[in-house]
Amino acid sequence: DAESFMKMMRINALSAFLAIKHAGIAMQQTGKGGKELSGGSIICTASVAGIRSGAGSPEYSASKAAVINLCQTASYQYAGTNVRVNAICPGLIETGMTKATFDYAKQRGTSHKIGQLNPTRRYGVASEIGHVIAFLASDEASYVNGQAIAVDGGLSASHPVVPGKFN
């Protein structure tokens, strides 16, 4: 319904908008006890659901697509300021948010099947996302800007389907 759609947009898209806006302003401040040069790296958490359909509910997918677009738009809005804005797009990662999915699979005895649709044939762990975030925040990523970086074991590199049956 419209209420749950708007709630999801507030949680994911509006929070990213406000973080980008206020962090970008702060990263541009220099002088008087501040930094000598403007700049910084803003990294928002989106999802592969924002890149490809079928990876989440319509409201979740739309909100994460909005996060990606906000990052891309902000990368142009902050042109010339040395503020970079990127989105990280995790696939299925074992976290508190996905605990119910993992618990359900364990109860059914199918936990070994989690992540089998991607080329790595496994699910991801939080530290794998953290490593990419650390890179994006570093000076080594100084030319990476306005990107949606998928960290999903290769799932978004293709369009895997689960074939249905015609009766």
N, C-alpha and C. Protein backbone atom coordinates (compact mmCIF):
# COMPACT_ATOMS: atom_id res chain seq x y z
N ASP A 1 0.82 -1.19 0.00
CA ASP A 1 0.00 0.00 0.00
C ASP A 1 0.87 1.25 0.00
N ALA A 2 0.25 2.39 -0.18
CA ALA A 2 0.99 3.65 -0.30
C ALA A 2 1.73 4.00 0.98
N GLU A 3 1.15 3.68 2.12
CA GLU A 3 1.79 4.01 3.39
C GLU A 3 3.10 3.25 3.58
N SER A 4 3.10 1.96 3.29
CA SER A 4 4.34 1.18 3.44
C SER A 4 5.37 1.59 2.39
N PHE A 5 4.90 1.97 1.20
CA PHE A 5 5.82 2.45 0.16
C PHE A 5 6.51 3.73 0.64
N MET A 6 5.75 4.67 1.15
CA MET A 6 6.32 5.95 1.61
C MET A 6 7.22 5.75 2.84
N LYS A 7 6.86 4.82 3.70
CA LYS A 7 7.71 4.53 4.86
C LYS A 7 9.07 4.02 4.40
N MET A 8 9.07 3.12 3.43
CA MET A 8 10.33 2.58 2.90
C MET A 8 11.15 3.68 2.22
N MET A 9 10.48 4.58 1.51
CA MET A 9 11.19 5.68 0.86
C MET A 9 11.81 6.62 1.91
N ARG A 10 11.08 6.86 3.01
CA ARG A 10 11.64 7.70 4.07
C ARG A 10 12.86 7.05 4.72
N ILE A 11 12.74 5.77 5.00
CA ILE A 11 13.84 5.06 5.67
C ILE A 11 15.07 5.02 4.77
N ASN A 12 14.91 4.66 3.53
CA ASN A 12 16.07 4.45 2.66
C ASN A 12 16.46 5.67 1.84
N ALA A 13 15.52 6.25 1.11
CA ALA A 13 15.87 7.34 0.19
C ALA A 13 16.02 8.69 0.90
N LEU A 14 15.08 9.05 1.75
CA LEU A 14 15.17 10.34 2.42
C LEU A 14 16.39 10.40 3.33
N SER A 15 16.67 9.31 4.03
CA SER A 15 17.85 9.30 4.91
C SER A 15 19.13 9.47 4.09
N ALA A 16 19.21 8.85 2.93
CA ALA A 16 20.39 9.01 2.06
C ALA A 16 20.47 10.45 1.55
N PHE A 17 19.34 11.01 1.16
CA PHE A 17 19.31 12.40 0.68
C PHE A 17 19.86 13.35 1.75
N LEU A 18 19.37 13.21 2.98
CA LEU A 18 19.81 14.09 4.06
C LEU A 18 21.28 13.87 4.40
N ALA A 19 21.72 12.62 4.41
CA ALA A 19 23.14 12.33 4.69
C ALA A 19 24.03 12.94 3.62
N ILE A 20 23.66 12.77 2.36
CA ILE A 20 24.45 13.33 1.26
C ILE A 20 24.50 14.85 1.36
N LYS A 21 23.34 15.45 1.61
CA LYS A 21 23.26 16.91 1.68
C LYS A 21 24.16 17.46 2.80
N HIS A 22 23.98 16.95 4.00
CA HIS A 22 24.69 17.52 5.15
C HIS A 22 26.16 17.10 5.20
N ALA A 23 26.46 15.89 4.81
CA ALA A 23 27.87 15.47 4.77
C ALA A 23 28.62 16.24 3.70
N GLY A 24 27.98 16.46 2.56
CA GLY A 24 28.63 17.21 1.48
C GLY A 24 28.95 18.63 1.89
N ILE A 25 28.02 19.26 2.59
CA ILE A 25 28.26 20.63 3.09
C ILE A 25 29.44 20.63 4.05
N ALA A 26 29.44 19.69 4.99
CA ALA A 26 30.53 19.62 5.98
C ALA A 26 31.87 19.32 5.32
N MET A 27 31.88 18.48 4.31
CA MET A 27 33.13 18.11 3.64
C MET A 27 33.72 19.25 2.82
N GLN A 28 32.90 20.24 2.51
CA GLN A 28 33.38 21.38 1.73
C GLN A 28 33.94 22.49 2.61
N GLN A 29 33.69 22.43 3.92
CA GLN A 29 34.14 23.49 4.81
C GLN A 29 35.65 23.43 5.01
N THR A 30 36.27 24.59 4.92
CA THR A 30 37.72 24.70 5.13
C THR A 30 38.00 25.91 6.00
N GLY A 31 39.26 26.04 6.43
CA GLY A 31 39.67 27.22 7.20
C GLY A 31 39.27 27.15 8.65
N LYS A 32 39.60 28.17 9.43
CA LYS A 32 39.28 28.34 10.86
C LYS A 32 39.20 27.02 11.62
N GLY A 33 40.34 26.41 11.82
CA GLY A 33 40.38 25.17 12.58
C GLY A 33 39.89 23.97 11.80
N GLY A 34 39.50 24.17 10.57
CA GLY A 34 39.03 23.08 9.74
C GLY A 34 40.12 22.54 8.84
N LYS A 35 39.72 21.92 7.77
CA LYS A 35 40.67 21.34 6.84
C LYS A 35 41.23 22.40 5.90
N GLU A 36 42.36 22.07 5.34
CA GLU A 36 42.99 22.97 4.38
C GLU A 36 42.29 22.89 3.02
N LEU A 37 41.90 21.67 2.64
CA LEU A 37 41.25 21.46 1.34
C LEU A 37 39.88 20.84 1.53
N SER A 38 38.97 21.20 0.65
CA SER A 38 37.64 20.62 0.63
C SER A 38 37.73 19.19 0.11
N GLY A 39 36.82 18.33 0.55
CA GLY A 39 36.76 16.99 -0.03
C GLY A 39 36.38 15.92 0.96
N GLY A 40 36.07 14.77 0.41
CA GLY A 40 35.70 13.62 1.21
C GLY A 40 35.00 12.59 0.35
N SER A 41 34.58 11.51 0.99
CA SER A 41 33.92 10.41 0.30
C SER A 41 32.63 10.07 1.03
N ILE A 42 31.52 10.17 0.33
CA ILE A 42 30.22 9.79 0.87
C ILE A 42 29.85 8.45 0.23
N ILE A 43 29.50 7.48 1.06
CA ILE A 43 29.15 6.16 0.56
C ILE A 43 27.80 5.79 1.15
N CYS A 44 26.83 5.59 0.29
CA CYS A 44 25.49 5.21 0.73
C CYS A 44 25.26 3.72 0.45
N THR A 45 24.49 3.10 1.31
CA THR A 45 24.15 1.70 1.10
C THR A 45 22.87 1.60 0.29
N ALA A 46 23.00 1.05 -0.91
CA ALA A 46 21.85 0.75 -1.75
C ALA A 46 21.68 -0.77 -1.71
N SER A 47 21.46 -1.40 -2.84
CA SER A 47 21.27 -2.85 -2.90
C SER A 47 21.25 -3.27 -4.36
N VAL A 48 21.56 -4.54 -4.60
CA VAL A 48 21.37 -5.03 -5.96
C VAL A 48 19.90 -4.96 -6.35
N ALA A 49 19.02 -4.89 -5.37
CA ALA A 49 17.59 -4.72 -5.66
C ALA A 49 17.32 -3.38 -6.32
N GLY A 50 18.20 -2.42 -6.15
CA GLY A 50 18.07 -1.14 -6.83
C GLY A 50 18.63 -1.14 -8.23
N ILE A 51 19.38 -2.19 -8.56
CA ILE A 51 19.97 -2.32 -9.90
C ILE A 51 19.15 -3.24 -10.78
N ARG A 52 18.71 -4.36 -10.23
CA ARG A 52 17.98 -5.39 -10.98
C ARG A 52 16.65 -5.69 -10.30
N SER A 53 15.66 -5.95 -11.11
CA SER A 53 14.37 -6.34 -10.53
C SER A 53 14.46 -7.78 -10.03
N GLY A 54 13.54 -8.13 -9.20
CA GLY A 54 13.48 -9.49 -8.70
C GLY A 54 14.32 -9.75 -7.46
N ALA A 55 15.00 -8.73 -6.96
CA ALA A 55 15.85 -8.93 -5.79
C ALA A 55 15.22 -8.37 -4.52
N GLY A 56 14.01 -7.88 -4.60
CA GLY A 56 13.36 -7.32 -3.42
C GLY A 56 11.94 -6.92 -3.74
N SER A 57 11.23 -6.48 -2.73
CA SER A 57 9.85 -6.02 -2.92
C SER A 57 9.86 -4.74 -3.74
N PRO A 58 8.73 -4.39 -4.36
CA PRO A 58 8.70 -3.16 -5.17
C PRO A 58 9.11 -1.91 -4.39
N GLU A 59 8.64 -1.77 -3.16
CA GLU A 59 8.98 -0.57 -2.39
C GLU A 59 10.46 -0.56 -2.00
N TYR A 60 10.99 -1.72 -1.63
CA TYR A 60 12.42 -1.80 -1.28
C TYR A 60 13.28 -1.51 -2.51
N SER A 61 12.96 -2.15 -3.62
CA SER A 61 13.73 -1.95 -4.85
C SER A 61 13.68 -0.50 -5.31
N ALA A 62 12.50 0.11 -5.27
CA ALA A 62 12.38 1.51 -5.68
C ALA A 62 13.18 2.43 -4.77
N SER A 63 13.15 2.16 -3.47
CA SER A 63 13.89 3.02 -2.54
C SER A 63 15.40 2.89 -2.74
N LYS A 64 15.86 1.70 -3.04
CA LYS A 64 17.30 1.50 -3.25
C LYS A 64 17.73 2.05 -4.61
N ALA A 65 16.86 2.00 -5.61
CA ALA A 65 17.15 2.65 -6.90
C ALA A 65 17.25 4.16 -6.70
N ALA A 66 16.41 4.69 -5.83
CA ALA A 66 16.47 6.12 -5.52
C ALA A 66 17.80 6.48 -4.86
N VAL A 67 18.29 5.63 -3.98
CA VAL A 67 19.59 5.88 -3.33
C VAL A 67 20.70 5.95 -4.39
N ILE A 68 20.68 5.02 -5.33
CA ILE A 68 21.68 5.02 -6.40
C ILE A 68 21.60 6.31 -7.20
N ASN A 69 20.38 6.72 -7.57
CA ASN A 69 20.22 7.95 -8.35
C ASN A 69 20.66 9.17 -7.57
N LEU A 70 20.36 9.22 -6.28
CA LEU A 70 20.81 10.34 -5.45
C LEU A 70 22.33 10.43 -5.44
N CYS A 71 23.00 9.30 -5.32
CA CYS A 71 24.48 9.29 -5.33
C CYS A 71 25.01 9.78 -6.66
N GLN A 72 24.42 9.32 -7.74
CA GLN A 72 24.88 9.75 -9.06
C GLN A 72 24.62 11.23 -9.28
N THR A 73 23.46 11.71 -8.87
CA THR A 73 23.13 13.13 -9.00
C THR A 73 24.08 13.98 -8.15
N ALA A 74 24.30 13.55 -6.91
CA ALA A 74 25.17 14.31 -6.01
C ALA A 74 26.61 14.36 -6.51
N SER A 75 27.05 13.31 -7.20
CA SER A 75 28.43 13.33 -7.72
C SER A 75 28.61 14.49 -8.69
N TYR A 76 27.55 14.84 -9.41
CA TYR A 76 27.60 16.01 -10.30
C TYR A 76 27.35 17.31 -9.54
N GLN A 77 26.46 17.27 -8.57
CA GLN A 77 26.18 18.47 -7.78
C GLN A 77 27.42 18.96 -7.03
N TYR A 78 28.28 18.02 -6.62
CA TYR A 78 29.49 18.38 -5.88
C TYR A 78 30.72 18.48 -6.78
N ALA A 79 30.50 18.64 -8.07
CA ALA A 79 31.62 18.75 -9.02
C ALA A 79 32.56 19.88 -8.60
N GLY A 80 33.84 19.61 -8.67
CA GLY A 80 34.85 20.61 -8.36
C GLY A 80 35.13 20.81 -6.88
N THR A 81 34.46 20.06 -6.01
CA THR A 81 34.64 20.22 -4.57
C THR A 81 35.53 19.13 -3.96
N ASN A 82 35.88 18.13 -4.75
CA ASN A 82 36.64 16.98 -4.28
C ASN A 82 35.82 16.11 -3.32
N VAL A 83 34.49 16.24 -3.38
CA VAL A 83 33.60 15.36 -2.63
C VAL A 83 33.10 14.31 -3.61
N ARG A 84 33.36 13.04 -3.28
CA ARG A 84 32.92 11.93 -4.12
C ARG A 84 31.72 11.26 -3.47
N VAL A 85 30.80 10.78 -4.29
CA VAL A 85 29.60 10.13 -3.77
C VAL A 85 29.37 8.84 -4.55
N ASN A 86 29.33 7.73 -3.84
CA ASN A 86 29.13 6.42 -4.45
C ASN A 86 28.11 5.62 -3.65
N ALA A 87 27.54 4.62 -4.30
CA ALA A 87 26.61 3.70 -3.64
C ALA A 87 27.21 2.31 -3.66
N ILE A 88 27.10 1.63 -2.55
CA ILE A 88 27.49 0.22 -2.51
C ILE A 88 26.20 -0.59 -2.56
N CYS A 89 26.20 -1.63 -3.36
CA CYS A 89 24.98 -2.41 -3.62
C CYS A 89 25.19 -3.87 -3.23
N PRO A 90 25.00 -4.20 -1.96
CA PRO A 90 25.19 -5.59 -1.54
C PRO A 90 24.14 -6.51 -2.13
N GLY A 91 24.54 -7.75 -2.34
CA GLY A 91 23.61 -8.82 -2.67
C GLY A 91 23.15 -9.45 -1.36
N LEU A 92 22.95 -10.76 -1.38
CA LEU A 92 22.53 -11.45 -0.16
C LEU A 92 23.72 -11.60 0.77
N ILE A 93 23.68 -10.87 1.87
CA ILE A 93 24.76 -10.85 2.85
C ILE A 93 24.19 -11.32 4.18
N GLU A 94 24.93 -12.15 4.88
CA GLU A 94 24.47 -12.63 6.19
C GLU A 94 24.62 -11.51 7.21
N THR A 95 23.50 -10.90 7.58
CA THR A 95 23.45 -9.82 8.56
C THR A 95 22.20 -9.98 9.41
N GLY A 96 22.02 -9.08 10.34
CA GLY A 96 20.80 -9.08 11.14
C GLY A 96 19.55 -8.90 10.28
N MET A 97 19.67 -8.12 9.21
CA MET A 97 18.53 -7.87 8.33
C MET A 97 18.08 -9.13 7.59
N THR A 98 19.02 -10.02 7.30
CA THR A 98 18.69 -11.24 6.55
C THR A 98 18.58 -12.47 7.45
N LYS A 99 18.63 -12.26 8.76
CA LYS A 99 18.61 -13.37 9.71
C LYS A 99 17.40 -14.28 9.50
N ALA A 100 16.24 -13.71 9.27
CA ALA A 100 15.03 -14.52 9.09
C ALA A 100 15.17 -15.44 7.87
N THR A 101 15.76 -14.95 6.80
CA THR A 101 15.96 -15.76 5.60
C THR A 101 16.89 -16.93 5.91
N PHE A 102 17.99 -16.65 6.59
CA PHE A 102 18.95 -17.70 6.93
C PHE A 102 18.35 -18.69 7.92
N ASP A 103 17.61 -18.19 8.92
CA ASP A 103 16.98 -19.08 9.90
C ASP A 103 15.95 -19.99 9.24
N TYR A 104 15.16 -19.45 8.32
CA TYR A 104 14.15 -20.24 7.61
C TYR A 104 14.83 -21.35 6.80
N ALA A 105 15.91 -21.01 6.11
CA ALA A 105 16.62 -22.01 5.31
C ALA A 105 17.21 -23.10 6.21
N LYS A 106 17.71 -22.72 7.38
CA LYS A 106 18.27 -23.71 8.31
C LYS A 106 17.18 -24.65 8.80
N GLN A 107 16.00 -24.10 9.11
CA GLN A 107 14.88 -24.91 9.58
C GLN A 107 14.45 -25.93 8.52
N ARG A 108 14.50 -25.52 7.27
CA ARG A 108 14.09 -26.40 6.17
C ARG A 108 15.22 -27.33 5.72
N GLY A 109 16.42 -27.12 6.24
CA GLY A 109 17.56 -27.93 5.83
C GLY A 109 18.09 -27.55 4.46
N THR A 110 17.84 -26.30 4.05
CA THR A 110 18.27 -25.86 2.71
C THR A 110 19.29 -24.72 2.77
N SER A 111 19.93 -24.53 3.91
CA SER A 111 20.87 -23.40 4.02
C SER A 111 22.04 -23.53 3.05
N HIS A 112 22.37 -24.74 2.63
CA HIS A 112 23.45 -24.93 1.66
C HIS A 112 23.10 -24.37 0.28
N LYS A 113 21.83 -24.10 0.05
CA LYS A 113 21.40 -23.56 -1.25
C LYS A 113 21.44 -22.03 -1.31
N ILE A 114 21.63 -21.37 -0.17
CA ILE A 114 21.65 -19.91 -0.17
C ILE A 114 22.84 -19.41 -0.98
N GLY A 115 22.56 -18.54 -1.91
CA GLY A 115 23.61 -17.95 -2.75
C GLY A 115 23.98 -18.77 -3.97
N GLN A 116 23.27 -19.85 -4.24
CA GLN A 116 23.64 -20.74 -5.35
C GLN A 116 23.34 -20.16 -6.73
N LEU A 117 22.58 -19.07 -6.81
CA LEU A 117 22.28 -18.47 -8.12
C LEU A 117 23.41 -17.58 -8.63
N ASN A 118 24.36 -17.21 -7.78
CA ASN A 118 25.44 -16.35 -8.26
C ASN A 118 26.68 -17.18 -8.60
N PRO A 119 27.58 -16.63 -9.41
CA PRO A 119 28.75 -17.40 -9.85
C PRO A 119 29.68 -17.88 -8.74
N THR A 120 29.70 -17.21 -7.60
CA THR A 120 30.56 -17.69 -6.51
C THR A 120 29.93 -18.85 -5.76
N ARG A 121 28.64 -19.09 -5.99
CA ARG A 121 27.90 -20.20 -5.38
C ARG A 121 27.88 -20.14 -3.86
N ARG A 122 27.80 -18.92 -3.33
CA ARG A 122 27.71 -18.75 -1.88
C ARG A 122 27.12 -17.39 -1.58
N TYR A 123 26.75 -17.18 -0.33
CA TYR A 123 26.30 -15.86 0.10
C TYR A 123 27.50 -15.08 0.62
N GLY A 124 27.31 -13.79 0.80
CA GLY A 124 28.39 -12.93 1.27
C GLY A 124 28.32 -12.70 2.77
N VAL A 125 29.41 -12.18 3.30
CA VAL A 125 29.47 -11.82 4.72
C VAL A 125 29.79 -10.33 4.83
N ALA A 126 29.44 -9.76 5.95
CA ALA A 126 29.54 -8.30 6.14
C ALA A 126 30.94 -7.76 5.90
N SER A 127 31.97 -8.50 6.27
CA SER A 127 33.34 -7.99 6.09
C SER A 127 33.66 -7.76 4.62
N GLU A 128 33.03 -8.52 3.73
CA GLU A 128 33.28 -8.33 2.29
C GLU A 128 32.72 -6.99 1.82
N ILE A 129 31.63 -6.55 2.41
CA ILE A 129 31.08 -5.23 2.12
C ILE A 129 32.00 -4.17 2.72
N GLY A 130 32.44 -4.41 3.94
CA GLY A 130 33.33 -3.47 4.63
C GLY A 130 34.62 -3.20 3.87
N HIS A 131 35.18 -4.22 3.25
CA HIS A 131 36.42 -4.04 2.48
C HIS A 131 36.20 -3.11 1.29
N VAL A 132 35.07 -3.25 0.63
CA VAL A 132 34.78 -2.38 -0.52
C VAL A 132 34.53 -0.95 -0.05
N ILE A 133 33.83 -0.80 1.06
CA ILE A 133 33.59 0.53 1.63
C ILE A 133 34.92 1.19 2.00
N ALA A 134 35.81 0.43 2.63
CA ALA A 134 37.13 0.98 3.00
C ALA A 134 37.87 1.46 1.75
N PHE A 135 37.80 0.70 0.67
CA PHE A 135 38.44 1.12 -0.57
C PHE A 135 37.81 2.40 -1.09
N LEU A 136 36.47 2.44 -1.16
CA LEU A 136 35.79 3.63 -1.68
C LEU A 136 36.10 4.87 -0.85
N ALA A 137 36.31 4.70 0.43
CA ALA A 137 36.61 5.84 1.31
C ALA A 137 38.07 6.28 1.20
N SER A 138 38.90 5.46 0.62
CA SER A 138 40.34 5.73 0.59
C SER A 138 40.76 6.62 -0.58
N ASP A 139 41.97 7.13 -0.48
CA ASP A 139 42.55 7.91 -1.58
C ASP A 139 42.79 7.07 -2.82
N GLU A 140 42.92 5.76 -2.65
CA GLU A 140 43.11 4.87 -3.80
C GLU A 140 41.89 4.89 -4.73
N ALA A 141 40.75 5.31 -4.23
CA ALA A 141 39.52 5.39 -5.03
C ALA A 141 39.22 6.83 -5.45
N SER A 142 40.24 7.66 -5.53
CA SER A 142 40.03 9.09 -5.80
C SER A 142 39.37 9.38 -7.15
N TYR A 143 39.38 8.43 -8.07
CA TYR A 143 38.76 8.65 -9.38
C TYR A 143 37.46 7.85 -9.52
N VAL A 144 36.98 7.29 -8.44
CA VAL A 144 35.72 6.55 -8.43
C VAL A 144 34.65 7.49 -7.87
N ASN A 145 33.70 7.85 -8.70
CA ASN A 145 32.68 8.83 -8.30
C ASN A 145 31.39 8.57 -9.07
N GLY A 146 30.27 8.65 -8.38
CA GLY A 146 28.97 8.48 -9.02
C GLY A 146 28.66 7.06 -9.43
N GLN A 147 29.27 6.09 -8.75
CA GLN A 147 29.13 4.70 -9.15
C GLN A 147 28.24 3.92 -8.19
N ALA A 148 27.58 2.90 -8.72
CA ALA A 148 26.84 1.93 -7.94
C ALA A 148 27.63 0.63 -8.02
N ILE A 149 28.33 0.29 -6.95
CA ILE A 149 29.22 -0.86 -6.93
C ILE A 149 28.49 -2.07 -6.36
N ALA A 150 28.24 -3.05 -7.20
CA ALA A 150 27.58 -4.28 -6.75
C ALA A 150 28.60 -5.19 -6.08
N VAL A 151 28.25 -5.67 -4.91
CA VAL A 151 29.06 -6.66 -4.19
C VAL A 151 28.10 -7.82 -3.91
N ASP A 152 27.99 -8.68 -4.91
CA ASP A 152 26.93 -9.69 -4.89
C ASP A 152 27.37 -11.05 -5.43
N GLY A 153 28.67 -11.30 -5.45
CA GLY A 153 29.15 -12.59 -5.94
C GLY A 153 28.94 -12.78 -7.43
N GLY A 154 28.63 -11.71 -8.13
CA GLY A 154 28.42 -11.79 -9.58
C GLY A 154 26.97 -11.93 -10.00
N LEU A 155 26.05 -11.96 -9.04
CA LEU A 155 24.64 -12.17 -9.36
C LEU A 155 24.11 -11.15 -10.37
N SER A 156 24.45 -9.88 -10.19
CA SER A 156 23.90 -8.85 -11.08
C SER A 156 24.60 -8.82 -12.44
N ALA A 157 25.64 -9.64 -12.63
CA ALA A 157 26.32 -9.70 -13.92
C ALA A 157 25.49 -10.44 -14.95
N SER A 158 24.45 -11.12 -14.50
CA SER A 158 23.59 -11.88 -15.40
C SER A 158 22.15 -11.67 -14.96
N HIS A 159 21.27 -12.34 -15.59
CA HIS A 159 19.86 -12.30 -15.21
C HIS A 159 19.40 -13.73 -14.92
N PRO A 160 19.85 -14.30 -13.80
CA PRO A 160 19.45 -15.67 -13.52
C PRO A 160 17.95 -15.76 -13.29
N VAL A 161 17.40 -16.82 -13.76
CA VAL A 161 15.97 -17.03 -13.59
C VAL A 161 15.73 -18.40 -13.00
N VAL A 162 14.66 -18.50 -12.29
CA VAL A 162 14.21 -19.79 -11.81
C VAL A 162 13.06 -20.17 -12.73
N PRO A 163 13.26 -21.17 -13.61
CA PRO A 163 12.24 -21.48 -14.61
C PRO A 163 10.93 -21.92 -13.98
N GLY A 164 9.87 -21.41 -14.53
CA GLY A 164 8.54 -21.83 -14.10
C GLY A 164 8.06 -22.99 -14.94
N LYS A 165 6.87 -23.46 -14.66
CA LYS A 165 6.31 -24.59 -15.41
C LYS A 165 5.04 -24.14 -16.10
N PHE A 166 4.92 -24.52 -17.35
CA PHE A 166 3.66 -24.31 -18.07
C PHE A 166 2.88 -25.61 -17.99
N ASN A 167 1.68 -25.54 -17.50
CA ASN A 167 0.85 -26.75 -17.39
C ASN A 167 -0.21 -26.75 -18.44
